[in-house]
Protein backbone atom coordinates (compact mmCIF):
# COMPACT_ATOMS: atom_id res chain seq x y z
CA MET A 1 -21.00 -88.16 42.63
CA ASP A 2 -22.02 -84.60 43.13
CA SER A 3 -18.51 -83.55 42.70
CA LEU A 4 -18.24 -85.66 39.61
CA PHE A 5 -21.40 -83.98 38.23
CA ARG A 6 -19.91 -80.59 38.77
CA LEU A 7 -16.78 -81.67 37.11
CA GLN A 8 -18.65 -83.02 34.12
CA GLN A 9 -20.97 -79.93 33.76
CA PRO A 10 -18.97 -76.86 34.47
CA GLY A 11 -21.51 -74.44 32.77
CA LEU A 12 -24.48 -75.47 34.93
CA SER A 13 -23.87 -72.87 37.61
CA LYS A 14 -23.89 -70.19 35.01
CA PHE A 15 -27.33 -71.19 33.74
CA VAL A 16 -28.74 -71.33 37.27
CA SER A 17 -27.44 -67.91 38.05
CA ALA A 18 -28.94 -66.56 34.88
CA SER A 19 -32.31 -68.10 35.68
CA LEU A 20 -32.36 -66.56 39.12
CA ILE A 21 -31.55 -63.18 37.78
CA ILE A 22 -34.39 -63.44 35.26
CA HIS A 23 -36.87 -64.35 37.96
CA ILE A 24 -35.76 -61.51 40.18
CA VAL A 25 -36.23 -59.09 37.35
CA ILE A 26 -39.74 -60.41 36.65
CA LEU A 27 -40.70 -60.06 40.32
CA ALA A 28 -39.38 -56.56 40.48
CA VAL A 29 -41.39 -55.58 37.46
CA ALA A 30 -44.54 -57.12 38.90
CA LEU A 31 -44.07 -55.25 42.14
CA LEU A 32 -43.70 -52.02 40.28
CA LEU A 33 -46.90 -52.71 38.34
CA VAL A 34 -49.04 -53.46 41.42
CA GLN A 35 -47.39 -50.94 43.71
CA GLY A 36 -50.27 -48.50 43.52
CA LYS A 37 -53.11 -51.09 44.48
CA GLN A 38 -54.37 -51.71 48.10
CA GLY A 39 -54.17 -55.12 49.80
CA ARG A 40 -51.64 -57.75 49.60
CA VAL A 41 -50.77 -59.59 46.45
CA PHE A 42 -49.61 -63.19 46.67
CA ILE A 43 -47.46 -64.29 43.86
CA THR A 44 -47.44 -68.02 43.16
CA PRO A 45 -43.90 -69.04 42.53
CA THR A 46 -43.29 -70.54 39.16
CA TYR A 47 -40.71 -73.11 38.44
CA THR A 48 -38.57 -73.32 35.42
CA LYS A 49 -37.28 -76.60 34.34
CA VAL A 50 -33.69 -76.72 33.49
CA ASN A 51 -32.52 -79.71 31.50
CA LEU A 52 -29.05 -80.77 32.25
CA ILE A 53 -27.28 -81.57 29.04
CA ALA A 54 -23.94 -83.23 29.11
CA PRO A 55 -21.33 -81.00 27.55
CA GLN A 56 -19.99 -82.19 24.21
CA ALA A 57 -16.37 -82.34 23.50
CA THR A 58 -15.68 -79.10 21.74
CA LYS A 59 -12.65 -77.96 20.01
CA LYS A 60 -10.77 -75.28 21.70
CA LYS A 61 -11.56 -72.08 19.97
CA ALA A 62 -8.86 -69.56 19.41
CA PRO A 63 -9.13 -66.81 21.88
CA ALA A 64 -11.25 -64.09 20.44
CA LYS A 65 -9.43 -61.03 19.52
CA ALA A 66 -10.03 -58.19 21.77
CA VAL A 67 -12.43 -55.97 20.06
CA LYS A 68 -11.23 -52.49 20.17
CA PRO A 69 -13.87 -50.12 21.22
CA ALA A 70 -15.14 -48.11 18.34
CA LYS A 71 -13.81 -44.65 18.30
CA ALA A 72 -16.29 -42.20 19.43
CA LYS A 73 -17.44 -40.12 16.58
CA LYS A 74 -16.52 -36.55 16.86
CA LYS A 75 -19.39 -34.40 17.63
CA VAL A 76 -20.07 -32.20 14.74
CA ALA A 77 -20.91 -28.74 15.92
CA ILE A 78 -23.96 -27.73 14.07
CA LYS A 79 -23.72 -24.10 13.31
CA LYS A 80 -26.83 -22.23 14.00
CA ALA A 81 -28.18 -20.68 10.92
CA LYS A 82 -27.87 -16.94 11.08
CA PRO A 83 -31.11 -15.16 10.70
CA VAL A 84 -31.43 -13.74 7.26
CA VAL A 85 -31.49 -10.02 7.53
CA LYS A 86 -33.04 -8.27 4.62
CA LYS A 87 -31.06 -5.33 3.43
CA THR A 88 -33.09 -2.26 3.56
CA GLU A 89 -32.13 0.62 1.35
CA PRO A 90 -31.29 3.76 3.33
CA VAL A 91 -33.96 6.32 3.23
CA VAL A 92 -32.56 9.42 1.54
CA LYS A 93 -33.79 12.47 3.25
CA LYS A 94 -34.73 15.07 0.78
CA LYS A 95 -33.53 18.50 1.66
CA ALA A 96 -36.20 21.00 1.85
CA ILE A 97 -35.52 23.59 -0.81
CA ALA A 98 -36.21 27.02 0.47
CA LEU A 99 -38.05 28.90 -2.11
CA LYS A 100 -36.50 32.31 -2.57
CA LYS A 101 -38.82 35.11 -2.46
CA ALA A 102 -39.04 36.88 -5.70
CA LYS A 103 -37.12 40.13 -5.43
CA THR A 104 -39.18 43.07 -6.07
CA PRO A 105 -37.51 45.23 -8.70
CA PRO A 106 -36.25 48.56 -7.39
CA PRO A 107 -38.38 51.48 -8.25
CA VAL A 108 -37.31 52.92 -11.54
CA ALA A 109 -36.33 56.52 -11.19
CA LYS A 110 -38.01 58.89 -13.43
CA PRO A 111 -35.80 59.67 -16.43
CA VAL A 112 -36.51 63.34 -16.10
CA GLU A 113 -34.94 63.55 -12.63
CA VAL A 114 -31.85 61.54 -13.74
CA GLU A 115 -31.32 63.81 -16.70
CA GLN A 116 -31.61 66.86 -14.49
CA LYS A 117 -29.06 65.45 -12.01
CA VAL A 118 -26.59 64.55 -14.77
CA SER A 119 -26.93 67.96 -16.34
CA ILE A 120 -26.29 69.67 -12.98
CA ASP A 121 -23.18 67.53 -12.33
CA ASP A 122 -21.83 68.28 -15.79
CA ALA A 123 -22.42 71.97 -15.31
CA LEU A 124 -20.64 71.95 -11.95
CA SER A 125 -17.64 70.02 -13.30
CA LYS A 126 -17.36 72.39 -16.27
CA LEU A 127 -17.58 75.38 -13.97
CA GLU A 128 -14.88 74.02 -11.68
CA LYS A 129 -12.64 73.30 -14.65
CA LYS A 130 -13.18 76.80 -16.01
CA VAL A 131 -12.38 78.37 -12.63
CA ALA A 132 -9.19 76.30 -12.37
CA GLU A 133 -8.12 77.36 -15.86
CA GLU A 134 -8.81 81.00 -15.06
CA GLU A 135 -6.81 80.77 -11.84
CA GLU A 136 -3.94 79.19 -13.74
CA ASP A 137 -4.11 81.91 -16.38
CA LEU A 138 -4.08 84.57 -13.67
CA MET A 139 -1.04 82.99 -12.04
CA VAL A 140 0.79 82.83 -15.37
CA ALA A 141 -0.15 86.42 -16.17
CA ALA A 142 1.06 87.59 -12.76
CA MET A 143 4.33 85.75 -13.23
CA ILE A 144 4.82 87.25 -16.68
CA GLU A 145 4.06 90.70 -15.30
CA ARG A 146 6.62 90.27 -12.52
CA LEU A 147 9.23 89.08 -14.99
CA ALA A 148 8.44 91.98 -17.30
CA LYS A 149 8.79 94.49 -14.47
CA LYS A 150 12.05 92.87 -13.39
CA THR A 151 13.40 92.92 -16.94
CA GLU A 152 12.29 96.51 -17.38
CA ALA A 153 14.03 97.53 -14.16
CA GLU A 154 17.20 95.75 -15.21
CA GLU A 155 17.13 97.40 -18.63
CA ARG A 156 16.59 100.80 -17.02
CA LYS A 157 19.53 100.20 -14.69
CA LYS A 158 21.75 99.16 -17.58
CA LYS A 159 20.82 102.28 -19.51
CA GLU A 160 21.62 104.47 -16.50
CA LEU A 161 25.01 102.82 -16.07
CA LEU A 162 25.74 103.20 -19.77
CA GLU A 163 24.85 106.88 -19.68
CA GLU A 164 27.10 107.42 -16.68
CA LEU A 165 29.96 105.64 -18.43
CA ARG A 166 29.49 107.70 -21.58
CA ALA A 167 29.49 110.90 -19.55
CA GLU A 168 32.71 109.93 -17.81
CA ILE A 169 34.37 109.09 -21.13
CA ALA A 170 33.31 112.39 -22.65
CA GLU A 171 34.64 114.26 -19.63
CA TYR A 172 37.91 112.41 -19.80
CA GLU A 173 38.36 113.05 -23.54
CA THR A 174 37.66 116.76 -23.08
CA ALA A 175 40.26 117.04 -20.33
CA ASN A 176 42.95 115.15 -22.24
CA ASN A 177 42.63 116.27 -25.86
CA SER A 178 46.35 117.09 -25.96
CA VAL A 179 47.44 113.60 -24.91
CA ASP A 180 48.31 111.39 -27.90
CA ALA A 181 47.38 107.75 -28.30
CA GLN A 182 50.83 106.47 -27.25
CA SER A 183 50.80 108.37 -23.98
CA SER A 184 47.24 107.26 -23.21
CA ALA A 185 48.23 103.62 -23.76
CA ASN A 186 51.12 103.94 -21.32
CA ALA A 187 49.35 106.25 -18.88
CA PHE A 188 48.77 103.46 -16.33
CA GLU A 189 51.88 101.49 -15.42
CA GLY A 190 50.54 99.64 -12.39
CA LEU A 191 47.25 99.69 -10.54
CA SER A 192 48.40 102.63 -8.42
CA SER A 193 47.88 104.97 -11.40
CA GLU A 194 44.53 106.78 -11.13
CA ILE A 195 44.55 108.01 -14.71
CA PHE A 196 43.55 105.31 -17.15
CA ASP A 197 41.33 104.99 -20.17
CA LEU A 198 37.74 104.09 -19.21
CA LYS A 199 37.42 102.15 -22.45
CA PHE A 200 39.76 99.49 -21.07
CA LYS A 201 38.40 99.33 -17.55
CA SER A 202 36.39 96.16 -18.25
CA TYR A 203 39.35 94.57 -20.05
CA TYR A 204 41.71 95.25 -17.14
CA ASN A 205 39.24 93.75 -14.72
CA LYS A 206 39.04 90.55 -16.77
CA VAL A 207 42.83 90.17 -16.92
CA GLY A 208 43.25 90.87 -13.19
CA ALA A 209 40.44 88.43 -12.22
CA LYS A 210 41.95 85.61 -14.30
CA ILE A 211 45.40 86.05 -12.76
CA GLN A 212 44.00 86.34 -9.23
CA SER A 213 42.01 83.05 -9.61
CA LEU A 214 45.29 81.20 -10.31
CA TRP A 215 47.46 82.93 -7.69
CA ILE A 216 48.46 80.60 -4.84
CA TYR A 217 50.76 81.68 -2.02
CA SER A 218 51.48 79.22 0.81
CA GLY A 219 53.71 81.47 2.92
CA ASP A 220 52.86 83.99 5.65
CA ALA A 221 50.58 86.73 4.35
CA HIS A 222 51.94 90.01 5.69
CA LYS A 223 50.30 93.29 4.81
CA GLU A 224 53.72 94.77 4.13
CA LEU A 225 54.35 92.36 1.23
CA GLN A 226 53.77 93.97 -2.17
CA THR A 227 55.17 93.38 -5.63
CA LEU A 228 54.56 95.14 -8.98
CA ILE A 229 54.66 93.15 -12.23
CA THR A 230 54.22 94.49 -15.78
CA ILE A 231 52.83 92.26 -18.54
CA LYS A 232 52.84 92.86 -22.30
CA ILE A 233 49.91 91.50 -24.35
CA ASN A 234 49.35 91.63 -28.13
CA LYS A 235 46.02 92.13 -29.94
CA ASN A 236 45.21 88.42 -29.87
CA GLY A 237 45.72 88.23 -26.08
CA ALA A 238 49.03 86.34 -26.20
CA LEU A 239 51.54 87.08 -23.43
CA LEU A 240 54.59 88.65 -25.10
CA ASP A 241 56.65 89.50 -22.00
CA TYR A 242 56.45 90.12 -18.23
CA TRP A 243 58.88 91.39 -15.56
CA VAL A 244 59.01 92.56 -11.96
CA GLU A 245 58.86 96.34 -11.55
CA LYS A 246 59.16 96.29 -7.75
CA LYS A 247 60.16 93.33 -5.59
CA SER A 248 58.57 92.59 -2.23
CA GLY A 249 61.76 91.39 -0.55
CA ASP A 250 60.39 87.84 -0.32
CA HIS A 251 61.44 85.84 -3.36
CA LYS A 252 58.78 83.16 -2.64
CA PHE A 253 56.07 85.80 -2.77
CA ASP A 254 57.45 87.28 -6.02
CA ASP A 255 57.74 83.82 -7.62
CA SER A 256 54.12 82.99 -6.73
CA ALA A 257 52.97 86.17 -8.53
CA LEU A 258 55.03 85.37 -11.64
CA ARG A 259 53.68 81.79 -11.77
CA ALA A 260 50.12 83.15 -11.62
CA VAL A 261 50.82 85.35 -14.67
CA GLU A 262 52.26 82.40 -16.61
CA LYS A 263 49.27 80.17 -15.81
CA ALA A 264 46.72 82.86 -16.76
CA ALA A 265 48.07 83.30 -20.32
CA PRO A 266 46.68 83.65 -22.92
CA PHE A 267 44.38 86.56 -22.12
CA PRO A 268 41.26 87.97 -23.86
CA VAL A 269 41.81 89.78 -27.18
CA LEU A 270 42.20 93.56 -27.01
CA PRO A 271 39.18 95.82 -27.71
CA GLU A 272 38.49 96.44 -31.40
CA ASP A 273 38.91 100.22 -31.20
CA TYR A 274 42.44 99.85 -29.85
CA ASN A 275 44.83 100.76 -32.69
CA GLU A 276 48.15 99.61 -31.24
CA GLU A 277 49.69 96.14 -31.76
CA ASP A 278 50.18 95.50 -28.05
CA ILE A 279 49.53 96.91 -24.61
CA GLU A 280 51.36 96.96 -21.28
CA ILE A 281 49.45 96.50 -18.03
CA GLY A 282 50.85 96.96 -14.53
CA LEU A 283 49.70 94.56 -11.77
CA ARG A 284 50.09 94.98 -8.02
CA PHE A 285 50.08 91.85 -5.80
CA CYS A 286 49.19 92.39 -2.13
CA PRO A 287 48.26 89.39 0.12
CA GLY A 288 46.61 91.56 2.78
CA GLY A 289 44.89 94.06 0.46
CA CYS A 290 46.60 96.78 -1.53
CA VAL A 291 46.62 100.39 -0.33
CA GLU A 292 47.34 102.92 -3.07
CA ASN A 293 50.07 105.48 -2.39
CA ASN A 294 49.33 109.17 -2.88
């Protein structure tokens, strides 16, 4: 029958177990409460009546759906509030302004002394300028004096030469009063003649110098070479004729002398006091220097 009772009341064991657990919990709590007191404590056991109720025929309930555990809520990290920092305006340091010391004005010079100094400087500068001008004047005067002396000496020398020339001309005219104009014009046929008219000395020199400047001889210059050439010139200086009076024996040398005469023409006009229409002049060409024959 016991087995039948168990079969008919399957939930009885569960209720008994639950009752025991409740009693154990109550005892444990009581022990904890009286743990600190001395002496023994006797606990009278209490009984709990359990009514056995026959189980009613119950409809089979659908198995309860498994309840899913609720998702754990995410922990929200609470941000700590930052301490409010009050902005403080930067303290502007004021630069200390150095007060400049008032400059003491320089002592004013006495106007009298300044005027004296200026007047002295002006006087010195004027004096220096005057001295420089005087020195310059002295230098100019000395230069003029030297030039005057030089010019005077040159004029004196010219006068002396002119007097000598006039004396020679007078002496020549006195010695040759019997010689007519035609003979005097032809008295010098060649440079070897020592008798010639002093009036034409300068003219002959000009003609000879012009021919000599144009004479070019590229052969051997022997002292023995010598040629005489006569030229005929009219009043206007034109070359009328020329010929060889004496050959040197070297035709190249003679040709070089003739070419020099041709290149030199025309010549200077004849002197005004010469009354003839033309004049003949003898020229001697010597490469090594001419030696007049006695």
